C-alpha atoms as a PDB file:
ATOM      1  CA  MET A   1       8.895  40.884  16.901  1.00  0.00           C
ATOM      2  CA  GLN A   2      10.645  44.177  16.130  1.00  0.00           C
ATOM      3  CA  PHE A   3       8.606  45.899  18.842  1.00  0.00           C
ATOM      4  CA  SER A   4       9.613  43.271  21.426  1.00  0.00           C
ATOM      5  CA  ARG A   5      13.275  43.706  20.546  1.00  0.00           C
ATOM      6  CA  LEU A   6      13.070  47.503  20.866  1.00  0.00           C
ATOM      7  CA  TYR A   7      11.199  47.213  24.163  1.00  0.00           C
ATOM      8  CA  GLY A   8      13.847  44.823  25.473  1.00  0.00           C
ATOM      9  CA  LEU A   9      16.672  47.190  24.513  1.00  0.00           C
ATOM     10  CA  ALA A  10      14.898  50.112  26.184  1.00  0.00           C
ATOM     11  CA  THR A  11      14.446  48.040  29.342  1.00  0.00           C
ATOM     12  CA  LEU A  12      18.134  47.097  29.403  1.00  0.00           C
ATOM     13  CA  ARG A  13      19.129  50.738  29.052  1.00  0.00           C
ATOM     14  CA  ARG A  14      16.919  51.650  32.005  1.00  0.00           C
ATOM     15  CA  LEU A  15      18.440  49.011  34.293  1.00  0.00           C
ATOM     16  CA  PRO A  16      21.598  50.978  35.247  1.00  0.00           C
ATOM     17  CA  LEU A  17      19.505  54.058  36.031  1.00  0.00           C
ATOM     18  CA  THR A  18      17.131  51.977  38.158  1.00  0.00           C
ATOM     19  CA  ARG A  19      20.024  50.426  40.051  1.00  0.00           C
ATOM     20  CA  LEU A  20      21.576  53.844  40.645  1.00  0.00           C
ATOM     21  CA  ARG A  21      18.284  55.160  41.947  1.00  0.00           C
ATOM     22  CA  ASN A  22      17.936  52.213  44.324  1.00  0.00           C
ATOM     23  CA  VAL A  23      21.486  52.726  45.596  1.00  0.00           C
ATOM     24  CA  LEU A  24      20.843  56.419  46.186  1.00  0.00           C
ATOM     25  CA  ARG A  25      17.591  55.670  47.996  1.00  0.00           C
ATOM     26  CA  ARG A  26      19.293  53.181  50.317  1.00  0.00           C
ATOM     27  CA  PHE A  27      22.667  54.841  50.849  1.00  0.00           C
ATOM     28  CA  GLY A  28      22.177  58.422  49.650  1.00  0.00           C
ATOM     29  CA  ILE A  29      22.382  59.966  53.117  1.00  0.00           C
ATOM     30  CA  ALA A  30      25.598  58.057  53.925  1.00  0.00           C
ATOM     31  CA  ILE A  31      27.139  59.054  50.580  1.00  0.00           C
ATOM     32  CA  ALA A  32      26.197  62.695  51.162  1.00  0.00           C
ATOM     33  CA  PHE A  33      27.727  62.597  54.647  1.00  0.00           C
ATOM     34  CA  ALA A  34      30.971  61.107  53.321  1.00  0.00           C
ATOM     35  CA  LEU A  35      31.196  63.729  50.555  1.00  0.00           C
ATOM     36  CA  LEU A  36      30.588  66.485  53.094  1.00  0.00           C
ATOM     37  CA  LEU A  37      33.448  65.207  55.240  1.00  0.00           C
ATOM     38  CA  VAL A  38      35.772  65.077  52.232  1.00  0.00           C
ATOM     39  CA  ILE A  39      34.887  68.603  51.083  1.00  0.00           C
ATOM     40  CA  LEU A  40      35.266  70.199  54.516  1.00  0.00           C
ATOM     41  CA  SER A  41      38.513  68.318  55.137  1.00  0.00           C
ATOM     42  CA  ALA A  42      39.909  69.786  51.919  1.00  0.00           C
ATOM     43  CA  LEU A  43      38.747  73.307  52.786  1.00  0.00           C
ATOM     44  CA  SER A  44      39.906  73.347  56.418  1.00  0.00           C
ATOM     45  CA  GLY A  45      42.973  71.616  57.804  1.00  0.00           C
ATOM     46  CA  SER A  46      41.600  71.732  61.354  1.00  0.00           C
ATOM     47  CA  PHE A  47      38.322  70.002  60.497  1.00  0.00           C
ATOM     48  CA  LEU A  48      39.395  66.361  60.443  1.00  0.00           C
ATOM     49  CA  THR A  49      41.081  66.298  63.850  1.00  0.00           C
ATOM     50  CA  ILE A  50      40.158  64.151  66.835  1.00  0.00           C
ATOM     51  CA  SER A  51      39.409  67.150  69.045  1.00  0.00           C
ATOM     52  CA  ASN A  52      37.161  68.786  66.449  1.00  0.00           C
ATOM     53  CA  LEU A  53      35.297  65.546  65.648  1.00  0.00           C
ATOM     54  CA  LEU A  54      34.640  64.968  69.351  1.00  0.00           C
ATOM     55  CA  ASN A  55      33.476  68.565  69.626  1.00  0.00           C
ATOM     56  CA  ILE A  56      31.033  67.982  66.753  1.00  0.00           C
ATOM     57  CA  ALA A  57      29.721  64.837  68.417  1.00  0.00           C
ATOM     58  CA  ARG A  58      29.219  66.697  71.706  1.00  0.00           C
ATOM     59  CA  GLN A  59      27.349  69.513  69.954  1.00  0.00           C
ATOM     60  CA  VAL A  60      25.218  67.096  67.943  1.00  0.00           C
ATOM     61  CA  SER A  61      24.249  64.956  70.932  1.00  0.00           C
ATOM     62  CA  ILE A  62      21.409  67.195  72.153  1.00  0.00           C
ATOM     63  CA  ASN A  63      19.698  67.511  68.773  1.00  0.00           C
ATOM     64  CA  ALA A  64      20.295  63.837  67.994  1.00  0.00           C
ATOM     65  CA  VAL A  65      18.639  62.669  71.217  1.00  0.00           C
ATOM     66  CA  ILE A  66      15.580  64.857  70.558  1.00  0.00           C
ATOM     67  CA  ALA A  67      15.500  63.658  66.936  1.00  0.00           C
ATOM     68  CA  ALA A  68      15.425  60.032  68.102  1.00  0.00           C
ATOM     69  CA  GLY A  69      12.079  60.652  69.802  1.00  0.00           C
ATOM     70  CA  MET A  70      10.893  62.742  66.869  1.00  0.00           C
ATOM     71  CA  THR A  71      11.552  59.764  64.594  1.00  0.00           C
ATOM     72  CA  PHE A  72       8.964  57.689  66.471  1.00  0.00           C
ATOM     73  CA  VAL A  73       6.402  60.470  66.120  1.00  0.00           C
ATOM     74  CA  ILE A  74       7.003  61.147  62.419  1.00  0.00           C
ATOM     75  CA  LEU A  75       6.961  57.431  61.597  1.00  0.00           C
ATOM     76  CA  THR A  76       3.325  57.399  62.730  1.00  0.00           C
ATOM     77  CA  GLY A  77       2.568  60.378  60.501  1.00  0.00           C
ATOM     78  CA  GLY A  78       2.575  62.887  63.364  1.00  0.00           C
ATOM     79  CA  ILE A  79       4.720  65.839  64.402  1.00  0.00           C
ATOM     80  CA  ASP A  80       5.888  67.189  67.766  1.00  0.00           C
ATOM     81  CA  LEU A  81       6.563  70.919  67.919  1.00  0.00           C
ATOM     82  CA  SER A  82       6.737  70.985  71.721  1.00  0.00           C
ATOM     83  CA  VAL A  83      10.100  69.222  72.219  1.00  0.00           C
ATOM     84  CA  GLY A  84      12.023  72.462  72.850  1.00  0.00           C
ATOM     85  CA  SER A  85       9.580  73.590  75.521  1.00  0.00           C
ATOM     86  CA  VAL A  86       9.520  70.116  77.080  1.00  0.00           C
ATOM     87  CA  LEU A  87      13.308  70.287  77.270  1.00  0.00           C
ATOM     88  CA  ALA A  88      13.173  73.711  78.934  1.00  0.00           C
ATOM     89  CA  LEU A  89      10.589  72.750  81.559  1.00  0.00           C
ATOM     90  CA  SER A  90      12.236  69.397  82.300  1.00  0.00           C
ATOM     91  CA  GLY A  91      15.617  71.089  82.685  1.00  0.00           C
ATOM     92  CA  ALA A  92      14.130  73.716  85.002  1.00  0.00           C
ATOM     93  CA  VAL A  93      12.511  71.057  87.194  1.00  0.00           C
ATOM     94  CA  ILE A  94      15.750  69.059  87.354  1.00  0.00           C
ATOM     95  CA  ALA A  95      17.763  72.156  88.274  1.00  0.00           C
ATOM     96  CA  GLY A  96      15.155  73.272  90.797  1.00  0.00           C
ATOM     97  CA  LEU A  97      15.220  69.924  92.600  1.00  0.00           C
ATOM     98  CA  LEU A  98      19.012  69.760  92.596  1.00  0.00           C
ATOM     99  CA  ALA A  99      19.373  73.361  93.772  1.00  0.00           C
ATOM    100  CA  ALA A 100      17.037  72.483  96.647  1.00  0.00           C
ATOM    101  CA  GLY A 101      19.438  69.748  97.737  1.00  0.00           C
ATOM    102  CA  ARG A 102      17.675  66.704  96.296  1.00  0.00           C
ATOM    103  CA  PRO A 103      19.824  63.732  95.127  1.00  0.00           C
ATOM    104  CA  VAL A 104      20.914  63.700  91.489  1.00  0.00           C
ATOM    105  CA  LEU A 105      18.798  60.647  90.644  1.00  0.00           C
ATOM    106  CA  VAL A 106      15.724  62.285  92.163  1.00  0.00           C
ATOM    107  CA  GLY A 107      16.298  65.423  90.097  1.00  0.00           C
ATOM    108  CA  ILE A 108      16.772  63.472  86.865  1.00  0.00           C
ATOM    109  CA  GLY A 109      13.767  61.274  87.651  1.00  0.00           C
ATOM    110  CA  GLY A 110      11.641  64.381  88.214  1.00  0.00           C
ATOM    111  CA  GLY A 111      12.692  65.830  84.868  1.00  0.00           C
ATOM    112  CA  LEU A 112      11.992  62.587  83.008  1.00  0.00           C
ATOM    113  CA  ALA A 113       8.585  62.366  84.690  1.00  0.00           C
ATOM    114  CA  VAL A 114       7.747  65.902  83.520  1.00  0.00           C
ATOM    115  CA  GLY A 115       8.748  64.985  79.960  1.00  0.00           C
ATOM    116  CA  ALA A 116       6.646  61.818  80.049  1.00  0.00           C
ATOM    117  CA  LEU A 117       3.642  63.724  81.459  1.00  0.00           C
ATOM    118  CA  LEU A 118       3.750  66.437  78.787  1.00  0.00           C
ATOM    119  CA  GLY A 119       4.148  63.771  76.104  1.00  0.00           C
ATOM    120  CA  LEU A 120       1.160  61.901  77.537  1.00  0.00           C
ATOM    121  CA  VAL A 121      -0.956  65.058  77.398  1.00  0.00           C
ATOM    122  CA  ASN A 122       0.076  65.568  73.777  1.00  0.00           C
ATOM    123  CA  GLY A 123      -0.858  62.005  72.910  1.00  0.00           C
ATOM    124  CA  LEU A 124      -4.248  62.122  74.645  1.00  0.00           C
ATOM    125  CA  VAL A 125      -5.208  65.444  73.081  1.00  0.00           C
ATOM    126  CA  ILE A 126      -4.345  64.026  69.652  1.00  0.00           C
ATOM    127  CA  THR A 127      -5.954  60.594  70.027  1.00  0.00           C
ATOM    128  CA  ARG A 128      -8.853  61.222  72.404  1.00  0.00           C
ATOM    129  CA  GLY A 129      -9.465  64.854  71.588  1.00  0.00           C
ATOM    130  CA  ARG A 130      -8.970  64.231  67.850  1.00  0.00           C
ATOM    131  CA  VAL A 131      -6.845  67.369  67.467  1.00  0.00           C
ATOM    132  CA  GLN A 132      -4.296  67.510  64.660  1.00  0.00           C
ATOM    133  CA  PRO A 133      -0.743  66.843  65.938  1.00  0.00           C
ATOM    134  CA  PHE A 134       0.488  70.170  64.564  1.00  0.00           C
ATOM    135  CA  ILE A 135      -2.091  72.134  66.557  1.00  0.00           C
ATOM    136  CA  ALA A 136      -1.897  70.024  69.718  1.00  0.00           C
ATOM    137  CA  THR A 137       1.894  70.186  70.006  1.00  0.00           C
ATOM    138  CA  LEU A 138       1.958  73.843  68.996  1.00  0.00           C
ATOM    139  CA  GLY A 139      -0.309  74.514  71.966  1.00  0.00           C
ATOM    140  CA  MET A 140       1.977  72.480  74.229  1.00  0.00           C
ATOM    141  CA  LEU A 141       4.958  74.449  72.920  1.00  0.00           C
ATOM    142  CA  THR A 142       3.383  77.634  74.297  1.00  0.00           C
ATOM    143  CA  ILE A 143       2.119  76.019  77.505  1.00  0.00           C
ATOM    144  CA  GLY A 144       5.477  74.430  78.271  1.00  0.00           C
ATOM    145  CA  ARG A 145       7.352  77.662  77.665  1.00  0.00           C
ATOM    146  CA  GLY A 146       4.930  79.571  79.872  1.00  0.00           C
ATOM    147  CA  LEU A 147       5.221  77.018  82.694  1.00  0.00           C
ATOM    148  CA  THR A 148       9.008  77.231  82.457  1.00  0.00           C
ATOM    149  CA  LEU A 149       8.920  81.001  82.850  1.00  0.00           C
ATOM    150  CA  VAL A 150       6.519  80.700  85.802  1.00  0.00           C
ATOM    151  CA  TYR A 151       8.647  78.012  87.495  1.00  0.00           C
ATOM    152  CA  THR A 152      11.918  79.896  87.062  1.00  0.00           C
ATOM    153  CA  ASP A 153      10.429  83.392  87.410  1.00  0.00           C
ATOM    154  CA  GLY A 154      12.269  84.161  84.191  1.00  0.00           C
ATOM    155  CA  ARG A 155      15.706  83.664  85.799  1.00  0.00           C
ATOM    156  CA  PRO A 156      18.321  80.922  85.365  1.00  0.00           C
ATOM    157  CA  ILE A 157      18.609  78.276  88.076  1.00  0.00           C
ATOM    158  CA  THR A 158      22.242  77.714  89.082  1.00  0.00           C
ATOM    159  CA  GLY A 159      24.216  75.985  91.819  1.00  0.00           C
ATOM    160  CA  LEU A 160      24.074  72.432  90.455  1.00  0.00           C
ATOM    161  CA  PRO A 161      26.177  69.605  91.956  1.00  0.00           C
ATOM    162  CA  ASP A 162      29.339  68.415  90.207  1.00  0.00           C
ATOM    163  CA  PRO A 163      28.117  64.823  89.579  1.00  0.00           C
ATOM    164  CA  PHE A 164      25.225  66.213  87.550  1.00  0.00           C
ATOM    165  CA  VAL A 165      27.396  68.720  85.682  1.00  0.00           C
ATOM    166  CA  TRP A 166      29.631  65.771  84.707  1.00  0.00           C
ATOM    167  CA  LEU A 167      26.725  64.312  82.707  1.00  0.00           C
ATOM    168  CA  GLY A 168      26.845  67.309  80.385  1.00  0.00           C
ATOM    169  CA  ALA A 169      30.500  68.277  80.450  1.00  0.00           C
ATOM    170  CA  GLY A 170      32.423  65.173  81.563  1.00  0.00           C
ATOM    171  CA  GLU A 171      34.381  62.574  79.612  1.00  0.00           C
ATOM    172  CA  VAL A 172      35.018  58.826  79.767  1.00  0.00           C
ATOM    173  CA  PHE A 173      38.326  57.861  78.137  1.00  0.00           C
ATOM    174  CA  ARG A 174      38.203  61.151  76.175  1.00  0.00           C
ATOM    175  CA  ILE A 175      34.708  60.378  74.901  1.00  0.00           C
ATOM    176  CA  PRO A 176      32.230  63.085  76.018  1.00  0.00           C
ATOM    177  CA  VAL A 177      29.510  61.748  78.313  1.00  0.00           C
ATOM    178  CA  PRO A 178      26.753  63.377  76.171  1.00  0.00           C
ATOM    179  CA  VAL A 179      27.991  61.269  73.230  1.00  0.00           C
ATOM    180  CA  LEU A 180      27.671  58.110  75.336  1.00  0.00           C
ATOM    181  CA  ILE A 181      24.146  59.118  76.343  1.00  0.00           C
ATOM    182  CA  MET A 182      23.322  59.740  72.679  1.00  0.00           C
ATOM    183  CA  MET A 183      24.626  56.301  71.740  1.00  0.00           C
ATOM    184  CA  LEU A 184      22.537  54.623  74.435  1.00  0.00           C
ATOM    185  CA  VAL A 185      19.401  56.467  73.316  1.00  0.00           C
ATOM    186  CA  PHE A 186      19.934  55.494  69.677  1.00  0.00           C
ATOM    187  CA  LEU A 187      20.721  51.890  70.550  1.00  0.00           C
ATOM    188  CA  ALA A 188      17.537  51.610  72.607  1.00  0.00           C
ATOM    189  CA  SER A 189      15.504  53.350  69.880  1.00  0.00           C
ATOM    190  CA  SER A 190      16.898  51.067  67.191  1.00  0.00           C
ATOM    191  CA  VAL A 191      16.076  47.947  69.205  1.00  0.00           C
ATOM    192  CA  ILE A 192      12.523  49.156  69.851  1.00  0.00           C
ATOM    193  CA  LEU A 193      11.881  50.018  66.204  1.00  0.00           C
ATOM    194  CA  THR A 194      13.440  46.912  64.664  1.00  0.00           C
ATOM    195  CA  GLN A 195      13.091  44.157  67.250  1.00  0.00           C
ATOM    196  CA  THR A 196       9.820  44.736  69.114  1.00  0.00           C
ATOM    197  CA  VAL A 197       6.083  44.692  68.516  1.00  0.00           C
ATOM    198  CA  VAL A 198       5.987  48.411  69.324  1.00  0.00           C
ATOM    199  CA  GLY A 199       8.269  49.139  66.383  1.00  0.00           C
ATOM    200  CA  ARG A 200       6.226  47.034  63.969  1.00  0.00           C
ATOM    201  CA  TYR A 201       3.045  48.770  65.042  1.00  0.00           C
ATOM    202  CA  VAL A 202       4.638  52.209  64.720  1.00  0.00           C
ATOM    203  CA  TYR A 203       5.534  51.465  61.090  1.00  0.00           C
ATOM    204  CA  ALA A 204       2.116  49.909  60.463  1.00  0.00           C
ATOM    205  CA  ILE A 205       0.252  52.946  61.806  1.00  0.00           C
ATOM    206  CA  GLY A 206       2.334  55.303  59.690  1.00  0.00           C
ATOM    207  CA  GLY A 207       1.943  53.143  56.605  1.00  0.00           C
ATOM    208  CA  ASN A 208      -1.846  52.791  56.813  1.00  0.00           C
ATOM    209  CA  GLU A 209      -3.557  53.747  60.048  1.00  0.00           C
ATOM    210  CA  GLU A 210      -6.959  52.374  59.072  1.00  0.00           C
ATOM    211  CA  ALA A 211      -5.499  49.038  57.993  1.00  0.00           C
ATOM    212  CA  ALA A 212      -3.607  48.812  61.280  1.00  0.00           C
ATOM    213  CA  ARG A 213      -6.814  49.495  63.202  1.00  0.00           C
ATOM    214  CA  LEU A 214      -8.724  46.845  61.251  1.00  0.00           C
ATOM    215  CA  SER A 215      -5.895  44.404  61.990  1.00  0.00           C
ATOM    216  CA  GLY A 216      -6.537  44.776  65.715  1.00  0.00           C
ATOM    217  CA  VAL A 217      -3.822  47.324  66.593  1.00  0.00           C
ATOM    218  CA  ASN A 218      -4.769  49.715  69.382  1.00  0.00           C
ATOM    219  CA  VAL A 219      -3.854  52.754  67.313  1.00  0.00           C
ATOM    220  CA  ALA A 220      -4.742  55.321  69.975  1.00  0.00           C
ATOM    221  CA  ALA A 221      -2.546  53.649  72.599  1.00  0.00           C
ATOM    222  CA  TYR A 222       0.494  53.345  70.358  1.00  0.00           C
ATOM    223  CA  LYS A 223       0.160  56.864  68.971  1.00  0.00           C
ATOM    224  CA  THR A 224      -0.014  58.152  72.552  1.00  0.00           C
ATOM    225  CA  LEU A 225       3.043  56.060  73.423  1.00  0.00           C
ATOM    226  CA  VAL A 226       5.222  57.667  70.742  1.00  0.00           C
ATOM    227  CA  TYR A 227       4.516  61.137  72.160  1.00  0.00           C
ATOM    228  CA  VAL A 228       5.418  59.871  75.633  1.00  0.00           C
ATOM    229  CA  ILE A 229       8.692  58.551  74.186  1.00  0.00           C
ATOM    230  CA  SER A 230       9.313  61.910  72.528  1.00  0.00           C
ATOM    231  CA  GLY A 231       8.726  63.679  75.847  1.00  0.00           C
ATOM    232  CA  ILE A 232      11.072  61.359  77.735  1.00  0.00           C
ATOM    233  CA  VAL A 233      13.976  61.735  75.294  1.00  0.00           C
ATOM    234  CA  SER A 234      13.441  65.507  75.244  1.00  0.00           C
ATOM    235  CA  ALA A 235      13.853  65.421  79.021  1.00  0.00           C
ATOM    236  CA  ALA A 236      16.986  63.280  78.554  1.00  0.00           C
ATOM    237  CA  SER A 237      18.404  65.964  76.291  1.00  0.00           C
ATOM    238  CA  ALA A 238      17.580  68.480  79.045  1.00  0.00           C
ATOM    239  CA  VAL A 239      19.923  66.537  81.317  1.00  0.00           C
ATOM    240  CA  ILE A 240      22.739  67.001  78.785  1.00  0.00           C
ATOM    241  CA  LEU A 241      22.091  70.690  78.127  1.00  0.00           C
ATOM    242  CA  THR A 242      21.516  71.670  81.768  1.00  0.00           C
ATOM    243  CA  GLY A 243      24.622  69.803  82.878  1.00  0.00           C
ATOM    244  CA  ARG A 244      26.705  71.308  80.103  1.00  0.00           C
ATOM    245  CA  LEU A 245      25.617  74.871  80.931  1.00  0.00           C
ATOM    246  CA  ASN A 246      25.686  74.207  84.694  1.00  0.00           C
ATOM    247  CA  SER A 247      22.341  75.991  84.843  1.00  0.00           C
ATOM    248  CA  ALA A 248      18.751  75.813  83.634  1.00  0.00           C
ATOM    249  CA  GLN A 249      17.914  78.659  81.286  1.00  0.00           C
ATOM    250  CA  PRO A 250      14.214  79.631  80.903  1.00  0.00           C
ATOM    251  CA  THR A 251      14.833  80.213  77.180  1.00  0.00           C
ATOM    252  CA  ALA A 252      16.544  76.855  76.607  1.00  0.00           C
ATOM    253  CA  GLY A 253      15.389  74.784  73.649  1.00  0.00           C
ATOM    254  CA  VAL A 254      14.007  77.615  71.505  1.00  0.00           C
ATOM    255  CA  GLY A 255      13.972  76.409  67.892  1.00  0.00           C
ATOM    256  CA  PHE A 256      15.215  72.921  68.790  1.00  0.00           C
ATOM    257  CA  GLU A 257      12.105  71.345  67.301  1.00  0.00           C
ATOM    258  CA  LEU A 258      13.066  72.610  63.833  1.00  0.00           C
ATOM    259  CA  ASP A 259      16.557  71.109  63.989  1.00  0.00           C
ATOM    260  CA  ALA A 260      15.125  67.801  65.213  1.00  0.00           C
ATOM    261  CA  ILE A 261      12.580  67.641  62.397  1.00  0.00           C
ATOM    262  CA  ALA A 262      15.301  68.575  59.903  1.00  0.00           C
ATOM    263  CA  ALA A 263      17.535  65.750  61.162  1.00  0.00           C
ATOM    264  CA  VAL A 264      14.716  63.216  60.811  1.00  0.00           C
ATOM    265  CA  VAL A 265      13.772  64.388  57.315  1.00  0.00           C
ATOM    266  CA  LEU A 266      17.404  64.536  56.173  1.00  0.00           C
ATOM    267  CA  GLY A 267      17.764  60.982  57.441  1.00  0.00           C
ATOM    268  CA  GLY A 268      15.166  59.777  54.973  1.00  0.00           C
ATOM    269  CA  THR A 269      12.082  59.474  57.188  1.00  0.00           C
ATOM    270  CA  THR A 270       9.063  60.598  55.225  1.00  0.00           C
ATOM    271  CA  LEU A 271       6.697  63.085  56.863  1.00  0.00           C
ATOM    272  CA  ALA A 272       3.787  60.975  55.619  1.00  0.00           C
ATOM    273  CA  GLY A 273       4.894  58.227  58.014  1.00  0.00           C
ATOM    274  CA  GLY A 274       5.625  54.529  57.692  1.00  0.00           C
ATOM    275  CA  GLU A 275       9.114  54.785  56.201  1.00  0.00           C
ATOM    276  CA  GLY A 276      12.436  55.701  57.784  1.00  0.00           C
ATOM    277  CA  SER A 277      15.085  54.516  60.223  1.00  0.00           C
ATOM    278  CA  ILE A 278      16.840  55.590  63.377  1.00  0.00           C
ATOM    279  CA  SER A 279      20.238  55.179  61.697  1.00  0.00           C
ATOM    280  CA  GLY A 280      19.180  57.685  59.044  1.00  0.00           C
ATOM    281  CA  THR A 281      18.169  60.123  61.760  1.00  0.00           C
ATOM    282  CA  ILE A 282      21.561  60.080  63.465  1.00  0.00           C
ATOM    283  CA  LEU A 283      23.235  60.649  60.099  1.00  0.00           C
ATOM    284  CA  GLY A 284      20.865  63.557  59.473  1.00  0.00           C
ATOM    285  CA  ALA A 285      21.729  65.052  62.858  1.00  0.00           C
ATOM    286  CA  PHE A 286      25.441  64.724  62.146  1.00  0.00           C
ATOM    287  CA  ILE A 287      25.072  66.310  58.717  1.00  0.00           C
ATOM    288  CA  ILE A 288      23.509  69.377  60.340  1.00  0.00           C
ATOM    289  CA  GLY A 289      26.227  69.425  63.002  1.00  0.00           C
ATOM    290  CA  VAL A 290      29.036  69.025  60.474  1.00  0.00           C
ATOM    291  CA  ILE A 291      27.628  71.813  58.303  1.00  0.00           C
ATOM    292  CA  ASN A 292      27.444  74.161  61.318  1.00  0.00           C
ATOM    293  CA  ASN A 293      30.961  73.273  62.428  1.00  0.00           C
ATOM    294  CA  GLY A 294      32.451  73.492  58.937  1.00  0.00           C
ATOM    295  CA  LEU A 295      30.918  76.872  58.234  1.00  0.00           C
ATOM    296  CA  ASN A 296      32.235  78.165  61.567  1.00  0.00           C
ATOM    297  CA  LEU A 297      35.730  76.948  60.742  1.00  0.00           C
ATOM    298  CA  LEU A 298      35.492  78.676  57.368  1.00  0.00           C
ATOM    299  CA  ASN A 299      34.397  81.906  59.105  1.00  0.00           C
ATOM    300  CA  VAL A 300      31.123  82.095  57.196  1.00  0.00           C
ATOM    301  CA  ASN A 301      28.759  84.800  58.429  1.00  0.00           C
ATOM    302  CA  PRO A 302      26.211  83.242  60.864  1.00  0.00           C
ATOM    303  CA  PHE A 303      23.352  84.786  58.876  1.00  0.00           C
ATOM    304  CA  TYR A 304      24.486  82.961  55.742  1.00  0.00           C
ATOM    305  CA  GLN A 305      24.854  79.761  57.740  1.00  0.00           C
ATOM    306  CA  GLN A 306      21.095  79.727  58.273  1.00  0.00           C
ATOM    307  CA  VAL A 307      20.552  80.154  54.538  1.00  0.00           C
ATOM    308  CA  VAL A 308      22.931  77.294  53.705  1.00  0.00           C
ATOM    309  CA  LYS A 309      21.375  74.947  56.249  1.00  0.00           C
ATOM    310  CA  GLY A 310      17.861  75.668  54.994  1.00  0.00           C
ATOM    311  CA  ALA A 311      18.932  75.172  51.378  1.00  0.00           C
ATOM    312  CA  VAL A 312      20.537  71.813  52.205  1.00  0.00           C
ATOM    313  CA  ILE A 313      17.349  70.609  53.890  1.00  0.00           C
ATOM    314  CA  LEU A 314      15.185  71.683  50.947  1.00  0.00           C
ATOM    315  CA  LEU A 315      17.497  70.039  48.413  1.00  0.00           C
ATOM    316  CA  ALA A 316      17.556  66.818  50.433  1.00  0.00           C
ATOM    317  CA  VAL A 317      13.765  66.638  50.584  1.00  0.00           C
ATOM    318  CA  LEU A 318      13.386  67.448  46.883  1.00  0.00           C
ATOM    319  CA  LEU A 319      15.962  64.811  45.930  1.00  0.00           C
ATOM    320  CA  ASP A 320      14.294  62.247  48.179  1.00  0.00           C
ATOM    321  CA  ARG A 321      10.894  62.861  46.571  1.00  0.00           C
ATOM    322  CA  ARG A 322      12.467  62.652  43.119  1.00  0.00           C
ATOM    323  CA  LEU A 323      14.083  59.314  43.895  1.00  0.00           C
ATOM    324  CA  ARG A 324      10.838  57.935  45.234  1.00  0.00           C
END
């Protein structure tokens, strides 16, 4: 009897801690984002202004769009290191077609097709060739970068039409067009992951691939599909970046894969697969963007900015593992 009473008291004392842990698991990324906004607003009077917030959103849009596709890949337990090179090659093809006088829609369609093709190759090498995603996409990272340099001869492609430049630098009622593109990509991604069979299968494959296969899911087809999606959204981000710069740079997208992975992980998607959300990813992308912007406003040395960003990512992952 005494033991039961003590056990009951111990259980009651643990309840608040359990509830706190559940709250942090569900809303930790949103709470962290809100605290970050409060801290930077207190440190810099020019941070919480409409112009600066729109500037952050414009800067974040490219990484956020790439991270949306990366979310699909990581949810299946994979990884895509080639997104930066896919962006570069897609942007070069778009710029090349437009500079040759092709219509804007033809140029964009060509870039999206290149992204889809490279994603398809990634998926087939991983599923049919049984190569680990890390190795397969690392190889595509090098191949894509090499093809970009060959296509551009190592020089920027310029002379793009104004309607295309508007996609990267224009505004609609003061809202940057890249932000609108980002919102459309995330809306479509959210619908696919939460409202379609594709989304359910993506989570199932990441949760337990063998169980999904035994349940009749065509695992190879759906794993290939997520790499195609990643390639397409990387090409969509190429539209934003190329339009914004009014040129296609052969070195575009270097290191973008790391920021995309960081955004997904910060957003609570586990690298083991099967758990995460697209809403968490966009919050993760904005946290990275806000940190970069805040440190710039505070005149922090760019070298230290890299240290701070890396430390934040490590702390977020460690905290997430602790909570789980």
